[in-house]
Amino acid sequence: MIKVLLVDDHDLVRTGIRRLLEDAKGINVIAEAATGEEAVQYCRSNEPDVVLMDMNMPGIGGLEATKKILRYCPDIKVLFLTVHMEAPIPTKVMQIGAAGFLTKSTAPQEMIQAIKAVNSGQRYITPDIAQQMALSQFQTQEESPLTNLSERELQIMMMITRGEKVVDISNQLNLSSKTINSYRYRMFTKLNVSNDVELTHLAIRYGMHNVEPI
């Protein structure tokens, strides 16, 4: 029986996924978490087989949570399920050690197939995303300037564009406000913007700032 932890900040999303997986043979949803922090804490105490991870959540978010989970529990398979499919998100997700990447438009049967695949040691990426990642290798320059951001810069950008203050980001990531501001201004330089409003507009333009459907 594959033990699955659901991680998403929307109650209705978790409820819907749980109901879908309840009918799947060989899969058991053992717990739910609404934040990355809750997911990390649960994994350190219980070690599920597969974590079905959302990307954009209050607090540290999916990327940082995944890095922490894999640091403490390297045998856990993290499978992302998110609305964020634009570059560079899929590549960043796989680079940090995730076992797979699905979008929230994925059919239920494909999600079940992906859970079983990653649990058996395979990697699974939604076919259209896999094609997008493959084609990007032949491009001399990525269309999105966000591909120039590091994992940490991308994480902080997403938190800023959710309206979180520097002091709150600092507390959540256990970094000083000075360090957060250093990342922030480095992003401004890389993206040729001068303030948080322009940063948010850029994120919207490239599909990195939206309301996740429930």
N, C-alpha and C. Protein backbone atom coordinates (compact mmCIF):
# COMPACT_ATOMS: atom_id res chain seq x y z
N MET A 1 0.85 -1.20 0.00
CA MET A 1 0.00 0.00 0.00
C MET A 1 0.89 1.25 0.00
N ILE A 2 0.66 2.14 -0.95
CA ILE A 2 1.44 3.37 -1.05
C ILE A 2 0.85 4.42 -0.11
N LYS A 3 1.65 4.89 0.83
CA LYS A 3 1.19 5.89 1.80
C LYS A 3 1.44 7.29 1.24
N VAL A 4 0.36 8.07 1.10
CA VAL A 4 0.45 9.38 0.45
C VAL A 4 0.10 10.50 1.43
N LEU A 5 0.91 11.56 1.41
CA LEU A 5 0.63 12.79 2.15
C LEU A 5 0.19 13.85 1.14
N LEU A 6 -0.98 14.46 1.34
CA LEU A 6 -1.48 15.53 0.47
C LEU A 6 -1.08 16.88 1.06
N VAL A 7 -0.46 17.73 0.24
CA VAL A 7 -0.04 19.04 0.71
C VAL A 7 -0.62 20.12 -0.21
N ASP A 8 -1.56 20.90 0.30
CA ASP A 8 -2.18 21.99 -0.46
C ASP A 8 -2.88 22.90 0.53
N ASP A 9 -2.81 24.21 0.29
CA ASP A 9 -3.42 25.13 1.24
C ASP A 9 -4.92 25.31 1.04
N HIS A 10 -5.50 24.66 0.04
CA HIS A 10 -6.95 24.74 -0.18
C HIS A 10 -7.62 23.46 0.32
N ASP A 11 -8.52 23.61 1.27
CA ASP A 11 -9.22 22.46 1.82
C ASP A 11 -9.97 21.68 0.75
N LEU A 12 -10.63 22.40 -0.17
CA LEU A 12 -11.43 21.73 -1.18
C LEU A 12 -10.57 20.93 -2.15
N VAL A 13 -9.37 21.44 -2.44
CA VAL A 13 -8.46 20.70 -3.31
C VAL A 13 -8.06 19.38 -2.65
N ARG A 14 -7.68 19.46 -1.38
CA ARG A 14 -7.27 18.25 -0.66
C ARG A 14 -8.43 17.25 -0.57
N THR A 15 -9.62 17.76 -0.30
CA THR A 15 -10.79 16.89 -0.20
C THR A 15 -11.07 16.19 -1.52
N GLY A 16 -10.97 16.95 -2.61
CA GLY A 16 -11.23 16.38 -3.93
C GLY A 16 -10.22 15.32 -4.30
N ILE A 17 -8.95 15.60 -4.03
CA ILE A 17 -7.91 14.63 -4.36
C ILE A 17 -8.05 13.37 -3.50
N ARG A 18 -8.34 13.58 -2.21
CA ARG A 18 -8.51 12.43 -1.32
C ARG A 18 -9.62 11.51 -1.82
N ARG A 19 -10.73 12.09 -2.24
CA ARG A 19 -11.85 11.28 -2.72
C ARG A 19 -11.48 10.51 -3.98
N LEU A 20 -10.69 11.15 -4.85
CA LEU A 20 -10.25 10.46 -6.06
C LEU A 20 -9.34 9.27 -5.73
N LEU A 21 -8.45 9.50 -4.77
CA LEU A 21 -7.47 8.46 -4.44
C LEU A 21 -8.05 7.34 -3.58
N GLU A 22 -9.15 7.63 -2.89
CA GLU A 22 -9.77 6.60 -2.06
C GLU A 22 -10.23 5.40 -2.90
N ASP A 23 -10.56 5.66 -4.16
CA ASP A 23 -11.03 4.59 -5.05
C ASP A 23 -9.90 3.89 -5.78
N ALA A 24 -8.67 4.36 -5.58
CA ALA A 24 -7.53 3.77 -6.29
C ALA A 24 -6.95 2.61 -5.48
N LYS A 25 -6.79 1.49 -6.12
CA LYS A 25 -6.23 0.32 -5.44
C LYS A 25 -4.75 0.54 -5.15
N GLY A 26 -4.36 0.17 -3.95
CA GLY A 26 -2.95 0.23 -3.59
C GLY A 26 -2.47 1.58 -3.11
N ILE A 27 -3.39 2.57 -2.95
CA ILE A 27 -3.01 3.90 -2.49
C ILE A 27 -3.81 4.27 -1.25
N ASN A 28 -3.15 4.80 -0.25
CA ASN A 28 -3.81 5.19 0.99
C ASN A 28 -3.35 6.59 1.39
N VAL A 29 -4.27 7.55 1.43
CA VAL A 29 -3.95 8.91 1.89
C VAL A 29 -3.90 8.88 3.41
N ILE A 30 -2.71 9.00 3.96
CA ILE A 30 -2.55 8.85 5.41
C ILE A 30 -2.64 10.16 6.17
N ALA A 31 -2.47 11.30 5.46
CA ALA A 31 -2.51 12.59 6.15
C ALA A 31 -2.60 13.72 5.13
N GLU A 32 -2.94 14.92 5.65
CA GLU A 32 -2.99 16.13 4.83
C GLU A 32 -2.21 17.23 5.53
N ALA A 33 -1.68 18.16 4.75
CA ALA A 33 -0.99 19.33 5.29
C ALA A 33 -1.37 20.55 4.48
N ALA A 34 -1.52 21.69 5.16
CA ALA A 34 -1.94 22.92 4.48
C ALA A 34 -0.78 23.86 4.19
N THR A 35 0.40 23.56 4.73
CA THR A 35 1.58 24.40 4.50
C THR A 35 2.82 23.53 4.32
N GLY A 36 3.87 24.14 3.78
CA GLY A 36 5.12 23.43 3.64
C GLY A 36 5.71 23.05 4.98
N GLU A 37 5.55 23.92 5.97
CA GLU A 37 6.07 23.64 7.30
C GLU A 37 5.42 22.39 7.90
N GLU A 38 4.08 22.29 7.74
CA GLU A 38 3.37 21.12 8.25
C GLU A 38 3.85 19.85 7.54
N ALA A 39 4.09 19.95 6.24
CA ALA A 39 4.53 18.79 5.47
C ALA A 39 5.90 18.30 5.95
N VAL A 40 6.82 19.24 6.17
CA VAL A 40 8.17 18.88 6.64
C VAL A 40 8.08 18.20 8.00
N GLN A 41 7.31 18.79 8.91
CA GLN A 41 7.18 18.24 10.25
C GLN A 41 6.58 16.83 10.22
N TYR A 42 5.57 16.64 9.38
CA TYR A 42 4.93 15.33 9.30
C TYR A 42 5.90 14.29 8.75
N CYS A 43 6.62 14.66 7.70
CA CYS A 43 7.53 13.70 7.07
C CYS A 43 8.65 13.27 8.00
N ARG A 44 9.11 14.17 8.83
CA ARG A 44 10.20 13.83 9.76
C ARG A 44 9.75 12.83 10.81
N SER A 45 8.44 12.80 11.08
CA SER A 45 7.92 11.90 12.12
C SER A 45 7.30 10.63 11.56
N ASN A 46 6.83 10.67 10.31
CA ASN A 46 6.04 9.56 9.80
C ASN A 46 6.54 8.94 8.50
N GLU A 47 7.25 9.68 7.68
CA GLU A 47 7.81 9.21 6.41
C GLU A 47 6.80 8.50 5.50
N PRO A 48 5.92 9.26 4.85
CA PRO A 48 5.04 8.68 3.83
C PRO A 48 5.89 8.21 2.65
N ASP A 49 5.29 7.41 1.79
CA ASP A 49 6.01 6.96 0.59
C ASP A 49 6.08 8.06 -0.46
N VAL A 50 4.94 8.75 -0.65
CA VAL A 50 4.83 9.80 -1.68
C VAL A 50 4.18 11.04 -1.07
N VAL A 51 4.75 12.19 -1.37
CA VAL A 51 4.15 13.47 -0.99
C VAL A 51 3.62 14.13 -2.25
N LEU A 52 2.32 14.40 -2.29
CA LEU A 52 1.72 15.13 -3.41
C LEU A 52 1.74 16.60 -3.04
N MET A 53 2.65 17.36 -3.64
CA MET A 53 3.03 18.69 -3.17
C MET A 53 2.53 19.82 -4.06
N ASP A 54 1.89 20.81 -3.43
CA ASP A 54 1.51 22.04 -4.12
C ASP A 54 2.73 22.96 -4.18
N MET A 55 2.69 23.94 -5.06
CA MET A 55 3.81 24.85 -5.22
C MET A 55 3.65 26.11 -4.37
N ASN A 56 2.56 26.82 -4.60
CA ASN A 56 2.40 28.16 -4.04
C ASN A 56 1.49 28.10 -2.81
N MET A 57 2.11 28.18 -1.62
CA MET A 57 1.37 28.12 -0.36
C MET A 57 1.91 29.17 0.59
N PRO A 58 1.13 29.53 1.61
CA PRO A 58 1.66 30.43 2.64
C PRO A 58 2.89 29.80 3.30
N GLY A 59 3.80 30.63 3.75
CA GLY A 59 4.99 30.10 4.41
C GLY A 59 6.08 29.77 3.41
N ILE A 60 6.80 28.69 3.67
CA ILE A 60 7.99 28.40 2.87
C ILE A 60 7.66 27.91 1.46
N GLY A 61 6.45 27.42 1.23
CA GLY A 61 6.07 27.00 -0.12
C GLY A 61 6.63 25.63 -0.50
N GLY A 62 6.20 25.16 -1.67
CA GLY A 62 6.53 23.81 -2.09
C GLY A 62 7.99 23.55 -2.37
N LEU A 63 8.69 24.51 -2.99
CA LEU A 63 10.09 24.29 -3.33
C LEU A 63 10.95 24.10 -2.08
N GLU A 64 10.83 25.01 -1.14
CA GLU A 64 11.65 24.93 0.07
C GLU A 64 11.25 23.72 0.91
N ALA A 65 9.95 23.44 0.98
CA ALA A 65 9.49 22.27 1.74
C ALA A 65 10.08 20.99 1.17
N THR A 66 10.11 20.90 -0.15
CA THR A 66 10.66 19.70 -0.80
C THR A 66 12.14 19.54 -0.48
N LYS A 67 12.90 20.63 -0.54
CA LYS A 67 14.33 20.56 -0.23
C LYS A 67 14.56 20.07 1.20
N LYS A 68 13.73 20.56 2.13
CA LYS A 68 13.88 20.14 3.53
C LYS A 68 13.48 18.68 3.71
N ILE A 69 12.38 18.28 3.08
CA ILE A 69 11.93 16.90 3.20
C ILE A 69 12.99 15.93 2.69
N LEU A 70 13.54 16.24 1.52
CA LEU A 70 14.53 15.35 0.93
C LEU A 70 15.86 15.36 1.68
N ARG A 71 16.13 16.45 2.37
CA ARG A 71 17.34 16.51 3.19
C ARG A 71 17.21 15.57 4.39
N TYR A 72 16.02 15.59 5.02
CA TYR A 72 15.80 14.76 6.20
C TYR A 72 15.41 13.32 5.85
N CYS A 73 14.66 13.16 4.76
CA CYS A 73 14.10 11.85 4.41
C CYS A 73 14.29 11.60 2.91
N PRO A 74 15.50 11.28 2.49
CA PRO A 74 15.79 11.17 1.05
C PRO A 74 15.03 10.08 0.32
N ASP A 75 14.43 9.13 1.04
CA ASP A 75 13.70 8.05 0.38
C ASP A 75 12.27 8.43 0.01
N ILE A 76 11.78 9.54 0.54
CA ILE A 76 10.43 9.99 0.21
C ILE A 76 10.40 10.52 -1.22
N LYS A 77 9.35 10.18 -1.95
CA LYS A 77 9.18 10.66 -3.32
C LYS A 77 8.22 11.86 -3.30
N VAL A 78 8.67 12.98 -3.82
CA VAL A 78 7.83 14.19 -3.87
C VAL A 78 7.33 14.38 -5.30
N LEU A 79 6.01 14.40 -5.43
CA LEU A 79 5.37 14.58 -6.73
C LEU A 79 4.60 15.90 -6.69
N PHE A 80 5.00 16.86 -7.54
CA PHE A 80 4.36 18.16 -7.55
C PHE A 80 3.05 18.11 -8.33
N LEU A 81 2.04 18.78 -7.77
CA LEU A 81 0.74 18.95 -8.44
C LEU A 81 0.39 20.42 -8.32
N THR A 82 0.51 21.18 -9.42
CA THR A 82 0.42 22.63 -9.35
C THR A 82 -0.17 23.23 -10.62
N VAL A 83 -0.62 24.48 -10.51
CA VAL A 83 -1.08 25.19 -11.71
C VAL A 83 0.09 25.83 -12.43
N HIS A 84 1.24 25.92 -11.78
CA HIS A 84 2.39 26.61 -12.37
C HIS A 84 3.13 25.69 -13.34
N MET A 85 2.98 25.95 -14.63
CA MET A 85 3.61 25.09 -15.63
C MET A 85 4.57 25.86 -16.52
N GLU A 86 4.68 27.18 -16.31
CA GLU A 86 5.54 27.99 -17.16
C GLU A 86 7.00 27.84 -16.74
N ALA A 87 7.90 27.98 -17.72
CA ALA A 87 9.33 28.01 -17.40
C ALA A 87 9.58 29.17 -16.44
N PRO A 88 10.47 28.96 -15.45
CA PRO A 88 11.35 27.80 -15.29
C PRO A 88 10.89 26.81 -14.23
N ILE A 89 9.62 26.88 -13.80
CA ILE A 89 9.16 26.10 -12.67
C ILE A 89 9.41 24.59 -12.82
N PRO A 90 8.96 23.94 -13.92
CA PRO A 90 9.18 22.49 -14.00
C PRO A 90 10.65 22.09 -13.87
N THR A 91 11.52 22.84 -14.52
CA THR A 91 12.96 22.53 -14.45
C THR A 91 13.48 22.70 -13.04
N LYS A 92 13.11 23.79 -12.36
CA LYS A 92 13.57 24.02 -10.99
C LYS A 92 13.09 22.90 -10.07
N VAL A 93 11.83 22.49 -10.26
CA VAL A 93 11.26 21.44 -9.43
C VAL A 93 12.06 20.14 -9.55
N MET A 94 12.38 19.76 -10.77
CA MET A 94 13.11 18.51 -10.97
C MET A 94 14.56 18.64 -10.51
N GLN A 95 15.13 19.83 -10.63
CA GLN A 95 16.53 20.03 -10.22
C GLN A 95 16.73 19.86 -8.72
N ILE A 96 15.71 20.18 -7.92
CA ILE A 96 15.87 20.06 -6.47
C ILE A 96 15.62 18.64 -5.98
N GLY A 97 15.27 17.74 -6.90
CA GLY A 97 15.15 16.34 -6.52
C GLY A 97 13.75 15.78 -6.48
N ALA A 98 12.77 16.53 -6.96
CA ALA A 98 11.40 16.00 -7.00
C ALA A 98 11.35 14.79 -7.93
N ALA A 99 10.43 13.90 -7.65
CA ALA A 99 10.30 12.68 -8.45
C ALA A 99 9.38 12.86 -9.63
N GLY A 100 8.56 13.92 -9.60
CA GLY A 100 7.63 14.10 -10.71
C GLY A 100 6.95 15.45 -10.69
N PHE A 101 6.27 15.75 -11.79
CA PHE A 101 5.62 17.05 -11.96
C PHE A 101 4.31 16.85 -12.72
N LEU A 102 3.21 17.25 -12.09
CA LEU A 102 1.88 17.20 -12.70
C LEU A 102 1.25 18.58 -12.63
N THR A 103 0.37 18.88 -13.57
CA THR A 103 -0.42 20.10 -13.48
C THR A 103 -1.81 19.76 -12.94
N LYS A 104 -2.51 20.76 -12.43
CA LYS A 104 -3.83 20.50 -11.85
C LYS A 104 -4.91 20.24 -12.89
N SER A 105 -4.54 20.27 -14.16
CA SER A 105 -5.46 19.86 -15.21
C SER A 105 -5.29 18.37 -15.54
N THR A 106 -4.38 17.72 -14.83
CA THR A 106 -4.11 16.30 -15.05
C THR A 106 -5.36 15.45 -14.77
N ALA A 107 -5.60 14.46 -15.61
CA ALA A 107 -6.74 13.54 -15.40
C ALA A 107 -6.47 12.68 -14.16
N PRO A 108 -7.52 12.31 -13.43
CA PRO A 108 -7.34 11.49 -12.22
C PRO A 108 -6.53 10.22 -12.46
N GLN A 109 -6.77 9.53 -13.56
CA GLN A 109 -6.07 8.29 -13.82
C GLN A 109 -4.57 8.52 -14.02
N GLU A 110 -4.22 9.66 -14.63
CA GLU A 110 -2.80 9.97 -14.81
C GLU A 110 -2.15 10.27 -13.47
N MET A 111 -2.87 10.94 -12.58
CA MET A 111 -2.32 11.22 -11.24
C MET A 111 -2.05 9.91 -10.50
N ILE A 112 -2.97 8.99 -10.58
CA ILE A 112 -2.79 7.69 -9.94
C ILE A 112 -1.59 6.96 -10.55
N GLN A 113 -1.49 7.00 -11.87
CA GLN A 113 -0.37 6.38 -12.57
C GLN A 113 0.95 7.00 -12.14
N ALA A 114 0.96 8.33 -11.99
CA ALA A 114 2.18 9.03 -11.60
C ALA A 114 2.60 8.66 -10.18
N ILE A 115 1.65 8.57 -9.27
CA ILE A 115 1.95 8.19 -7.89
C ILE A 115 2.59 6.81 -7.85
N LYS A 116 2.03 5.88 -8.58
CA LYS A 116 2.59 4.52 -8.61
C LYS A 116 3.96 4.50 -9.27
N ALA A 117 4.14 5.31 -10.31
CA ALA A 117 5.42 5.34 -11.01
C ALA A 117 6.54 5.87 -10.12
N VAL A 118 6.30 7.01 -9.46
CA VAL A 118 7.37 7.58 -8.63
C VAL A 118 7.64 6.70 -7.41
N ASN A 119 6.61 6.05 -6.90
CA ASN A 119 6.82 5.15 -5.76
C ASN A 119 7.71 3.98 -6.13
N SER A 120 7.67 3.58 -7.40
CA SER A 120 8.49 2.45 -7.86
C SER A 120 9.90 2.88 -8.27
N GLY A 121 10.19 4.18 -8.11
CA GLY A 121 11.53 4.65 -8.40
C GLY A 121 11.68 5.36 -9.74
N GLN A 122 10.58 5.48 -10.50
CA GLN A 122 10.64 6.18 -11.78
C GLN A 122 10.40 7.68 -11.57
N ARG A 123 10.70 8.44 -12.60
CA ARG A 123 10.31 9.86 -12.61
C ARG A 123 9.13 10.02 -13.55
N TYR A 124 8.25 10.94 -13.21
CA TYR A 124 7.06 11.12 -14.05
C TYR A 124 6.81 12.62 -14.25
N ILE A 125 6.71 13.02 -15.50
CA ILE A 125 6.41 14.40 -15.85
C ILE A 125 5.26 14.40 -16.84
N THR A 126 4.24 15.22 -16.59
CA THR A 126 3.13 15.35 -17.52
C THR A 126 3.66 15.52 -18.94
N PRO A 127 3.15 14.75 -19.92
CA PRO A 127 3.73 14.74 -21.26
C PRO A 127 3.92 16.12 -21.90
N ASP A 128 2.95 17.02 -21.78
CA ASP A 128 3.13 18.32 -22.43
C ASP A 128 4.24 19.13 -21.76
N ILE A 129 4.41 18.96 -20.45
CA ILE A 129 5.50 19.64 -19.74
C ILE A 129 6.84 19.02 -20.12
N ALA A 130 6.86 17.70 -20.24
CA ALA A 130 8.10 17.02 -20.64
C ALA A 130 8.53 17.49 -22.02
N GLN A 131 7.57 17.67 -22.93
CA GLN A 131 7.88 18.15 -24.27
C GLN A 131 8.42 19.58 -24.21
N GLN A 132 7.79 20.41 -23.39
CA GLN A 132 8.24 21.80 -23.23
C GLN A 132 9.67 21.85 -22.72
N MET A 133 9.99 20.99 -21.74
CA MET A 133 11.34 20.96 -21.18
C MET A 133 12.35 20.46 -22.21
N ALA A 134 11.94 19.47 -23.00
CA ALA A 134 12.85 18.92 -24.02
C ALA A 134 13.15 19.95 -25.10
N LEU A 135 12.11 20.65 -25.54
CA LEU A 135 12.29 21.64 -26.60
C LEU A 135 13.14 22.82 -26.13
N SER A 136 13.05 23.15 -24.85
CA SER A 136 13.80 24.30 -24.33
C SER A 136 15.30 24.08 -24.43
N GLN A 137 15.74 22.81 -24.49
CA GLN A 137 17.16 22.52 -24.59
C GLN A 137 17.73 22.97 -25.93
N PHE A 138 16.87 23.12 -26.93
CA PHE A 138 17.33 23.49 -28.26
C PHE A 138 17.19 24.99 -28.54
N GLN A 139 16.71 25.72 -27.53
CA GLN A 139 16.56 27.15 -27.69
C GLN A 139 17.81 27.84 -27.19
N THR A 140 18.30 28.79 -27.94
CA THR A 140 19.51 29.50 -27.54
C THR A 140 19.24 30.47 -26.40
N GLN A 141 17.97 30.87 -26.27
CA GLN A 141 17.63 31.80 -25.19
C GLN A 141 16.19 31.56 -24.77
N GLU A 142 15.97 31.41 -23.47
CA GLU A 142 14.62 31.19 -22.96
C GLU A 142 13.79 32.46 -23.15
N GLU A 143 12.52 32.27 -23.45
CA GLU A 143 11.63 33.41 -23.65
C GLU A 143 11.40 34.16 -22.35
N SER A 144 11.28 33.43 -21.25
CA SER A 144 10.99 34.07 -19.98
C SER A 144 12.26 34.51 -19.26
N PRO A 145 12.33 35.78 -18.83
CA PRO A 145 13.50 36.24 -18.08
C PRO A 145 13.59 35.59 -16.71
N LEU A 146 12.49 34.96 -16.26
CA LEU A 146 12.48 34.34 -14.95
C LEU A 146 13.40 33.12 -14.89
N THR A 147 13.79 32.61 -16.04
CA THR A 147 14.71 31.48 -16.06
C THR A 147 16.09 31.87 -15.53
N ASN A 148 16.35 33.17 -15.47
CA ASN A 148 17.65 33.64 -14.96
C ASN A 148 17.70 33.64 -13.43
N LEU A 149 16.57 33.41 -12.77
CA LEU A 149 16.54 33.45 -11.31
C LEU A 149 16.98 32.12 -10.72
N SER A 150 17.64 32.21 -9.57
CA SER A 150 17.99 31.00 -8.83
C SER A 150 16.74 30.46 -8.14
N GLU A 151 16.84 29.25 -7.57
CA GLU A 151 15.71 28.67 -6.85
C GLU A 151 15.25 29.60 -5.73
N ARG A 152 16.21 30.11 -4.95
CA ARG A 152 15.86 30.98 -3.82
C ARG A 152 15.24 32.29 -4.30
N GLU A 153 15.79 32.86 -5.37
CA GLU A 153 15.23 34.11 -5.90
C GLU A 153 13.81 33.88 -6.40
N LEU A 154 13.58 32.76 -7.06
CA LEU A 154 12.25 32.44 -7.56
C LEU A 154 11.27 32.27 -6.41
N GLN A 155 11.72 31.60 -5.36
CA GLN A 155 10.88 31.41 -4.18
C GLN A 155 10.50 32.75 -3.54
N ILE A 156 11.49 33.62 -3.37
CA ILE A 156 11.23 34.92 -2.74
C ILE A 156 10.37 35.78 -3.65
N MET A 157 10.58 35.70 -4.96
CA MET A 157 9.73 36.45 -5.89
C MET A 157 8.27 36.06 -5.72
N MET A 158 8.00 34.77 -5.62
CA MET A 158 6.62 34.30 -5.49
C MET A 158 6.01 34.79 -4.18
N MET A 159 6.81 34.85 -3.12
CA MET A 159 6.31 35.32 -1.83
C MET A 159 6.04 36.82 -1.88
N ILE A 160 6.92 37.57 -2.52
CA ILE A 160 6.72 39.02 -2.65
C ILE A 160 5.46 39.33 -3.45
N THR A 161 5.26 38.59 -4.54
CA THR A 161 4.11 38.87 -5.40
C THR A 161 2.79 38.40 -4.78
N ARG A 162 2.89 37.62 -3.68
CA ARG A 162 1.68 37.30 -2.91
C ARG A 162 1.37 38.40 -1.90
N GLY A 163 2.25 39.40 -1.84
CA GLY A 163 2.02 40.52 -0.93
C GLY A 163 2.67 40.35 0.43
N GLU A 164 3.54 39.37 0.59
CA GLU A 164 4.20 39.16 1.88
C GLU A 164 5.31 40.18 2.09
N LYS A 165 5.43 40.65 3.32
CA LYS A 165 6.43 41.65 3.67
C LYS A 165 7.79 40.99 3.87
N VAL A 166 8.84 41.81 3.72
CA VAL A 166 10.21 41.31 3.87
C VAL A 166 10.41 40.67 5.23
N VAL A 167 9.90 41.28 6.28
CA VAL A 167 10.10 40.74 7.63
C VAL A 167 9.43 39.38 7.78
N ASP A 168 8.26 39.21 7.15
CA ASP A 168 7.56 37.92 7.22
C ASP A 168 8.31 36.85 6.43
N ILE A 169 8.82 37.22 5.26
CA ILE A 169 9.60 36.28 4.45
C ILE A 169 10.85 35.88 5.21
N SER A 170 11.47 36.84 5.86
CA SER A 170 12.67 36.60 6.65
C SER A 170 12.40 35.57 7.74
N ASN A 171 11.29 35.72 8.45
CA ASN A 171 10.96 34.80 9.54
C ASN A 171 10.67 33.40 9.02
N GLN A 172 9.96 33.32 7.89
CA GLN A 172 9.57 32.02 7.35
C GLN A 172 10.76 31.24 6.80
N LEU A 173 11.73 31.95 6.22
CA LEU A 173 12.87 31.29 5.60
C LEU A 173 14.09 31.24 6.52
N ASN A 174 13.95 31.78 7.73
CA ASN A 174 15.07 31.82 8.68
C ASN A 174 16.29 32.52 8.09
N LEU A 175 16.03 33.62 7.40
CA LEU A 175 17.08 34.46 6.85
C LEU A 175 16.89 35.87 7.38
N SER A 176 17.95 36.65 7.43
CA SER A 176 17.82 38.02 7.90
C SER A 176 17.09 38.88 6.87
N SER A 177 16.49 39.96 7.32
CA SER A 177 15.83 40.89 6.41
C SER A 177 16.83 41.46 5.41
N LYS A 178 18.05 41.67 5.87
CA LYS A 178 19.10 42.18 4.98
C LYS A 178 19.36 41.19 3.84
N THR A 179 19.38 39.90 4.16
CA THR A 179 19.61 38.88 3.13
C THR A 179 18.45 38.84 2.15
N ILE A 180 17.22 38.93 2.67
CA ILE A 180 16.04 38.92 1.79
C ILE A 180 16.09 40.12 0.85
N ASN A 181 16.44 41.27 1.37
CA ASN A 181 16.54 42.46 0.53
C ASN A 181 17.65 42.34 -0.51
N SER A 182 18.72 41.66 -0.15
CA SER A 182 19.81 41.44 -1.11
C SER A 182 19.31 40.60 -2.28
N TYR A 183 18.57 39.52 -1.96
CA TYR A 183 17.97 38.70 -3.02
C TYR A 183 17.00 39.54 -3.85
N ARG A 184 16.24 40.36 -3.17
CA ARG A 184 15.21 41.19 -3.82
C ARG A 184 15.84 42.14 -4.84
N TYR A 185 16.87 42.84 -4.44
CA TYR A 185 17.50 43.80 -5.35
C TYR A 185 18.29 43.09 -6.45
N ARG A 186 18.79 41.90 -6.15
CA ARG A 186 19.45 41.12 -7.19
C ARG A 186 18.44 40.73 -8.27
N MET A 187 17.22 40.38 -7.84
CA MET A 187 16.15 40.08 -8.80
C MET A 187 15.80 41.30 -9.64
N PHE A 188 15.71 42.45 -8.97
CA PHE A 188 15.40 43.67 -9.70
C PHE A 188 16.40 43.89 -10.83
N THR A 189 17.68 43.67 -10.52
CA THR A 189 18.73 43.87 -11.52
C THR A 189 18.60 42.87 -12.66
N LYS A 190 18.41 41.60 -12.32
CA LYS A 190 18.30 40.55 -13.34
C LYS A 190 17.09 40.76 -14.25
N LEU A 191 15.99 41.24 -13.66
CA LEU A 191 14.73 41.35 -14.40
C LEU A 191 14.48 42.76 -14.93
N ASN A 192 15.39 43.67 -14.62
CA ASN A 192 15.27 45.05 -15.08
C ASN A 192 13.97 45.70 -14.60
N VAL A 193 13.68 45.53 -13.31
CA VAL A 193 12.54 46.21 -12.68
C VAL A 193 13.08 47.01 -11.51
N SER A 194 12.25 47.94 -11.01
CA SER A 194 12.75 48.82 -9.96
C SER A 194 11.97 48.74 -8.66
N ASN A 195 10.87 48.00 -8.62
CA ASN A 195 10.10 47.90 -7.39
C ASN A 195 9.21 46.65 -7.40
N ASP A 196 8.53 46.41 -6.27
CA ASP A 196 7.71 45.20 -6.14
C ASP A 196 6.52 45.20 -7.09
N VAL A 197 5.98 46.38 -7.39
CA VAL A 197 4.84 46.46 -8.31
C VAL A 197 5.25 45.99 -9.71
N GLU A 198 6.39 46.47 -10.18
CA GLU A 198 6.88 46.05 -11.50
C GLU A 198 7.22 44.56 -11.50
N LEU A 199 7.74 44.08 -10.37
CA LEU A 199 8.05 42.65 -10.24
C LEU A 199 6.77 41.81 -10.37
N THR A 200 5.72 42.28 -9.72
CA THR A 200 4.44 41.57 -9.78
C THR A 200 3.86 41.59 -11.18
N HIS A 201 3.96 42.73 -11.85
CA HIS A 201 3.47 42.83 -13.23
C HIS A 201 4.22 41.85 -14.14
N LEU A 202 5.53 41.72 -13.91
CA LEU A 202 6.32 40.79 -14.71
C LEU A 202 5.90 39.35 -14.43
N ALA A 203 5.66 39.05 -13.15
CA ALA A 203 5.23 37.71 -12.78
C ALA A 203 3.89 37.37 -13.43
N ILE A 204 2.98 38.34 -13.47
CA ILE A 204 1.68 38.12 -14.10
C ILE A 204 1.86 37.89 -15.60
N ARG A 205 2.72 38.67 -16.20
CA ARG A 205 2.96 38.57 -17.65
C ARG A 205 3.43 37.18 -18.05
N TYR A 206 4.26 36.58 -17.19
CA TYR A 206 4.82 35.28 -17.53
C TYR A 206 4.13 34.12 -16.79
N GLY A 207 2.92 34.40 -16.30
CA GLY A 207 2.08 33.34 -15.76
C GLY A 207 2.50 32.81 -14.42
N MET A 208 3.30 33.59 -13.66
CA MET A 208 3.78 33.11 -12.37
C MET A 208 3.01 33.69 -11.20
N HIS A 209 1.96 34.43 -11.47
CA HIS A 209 1.19 35.02 -10.38
C HIS A 209 -0.27 34.90 -10.73
N ASN A 210 -0.93 33.97 -10.10
CA ASN A 210 -2.35 33.79 -10.38
C ASN A 210 -3.03 33.17 -9.17
N VAL A 211 -4.34 33.06 -9.27
CA VAL A 211 -5.12 32.45 -8.20
C VAL A 211 -5.31 30.98 -8.54
N GLU A 212 -4.89 30.11 -7.65
CA GLU A 212 -5.00 28.68 -7.93
C GLU A 212 -6.46 28.25 -7.81
N PRO A 213 -6.95 27.51 -8.78
CA PRO A 213 -8.34 27.09 -8.76
C PRO A 213 -8.60 26.05 -7.68
N ILE A 214 -9.80 26.07 -7.12
CA ILE A 214 -10.20 25.05 -6.16
C ILE A 214 -11.40 24.28 -6.68
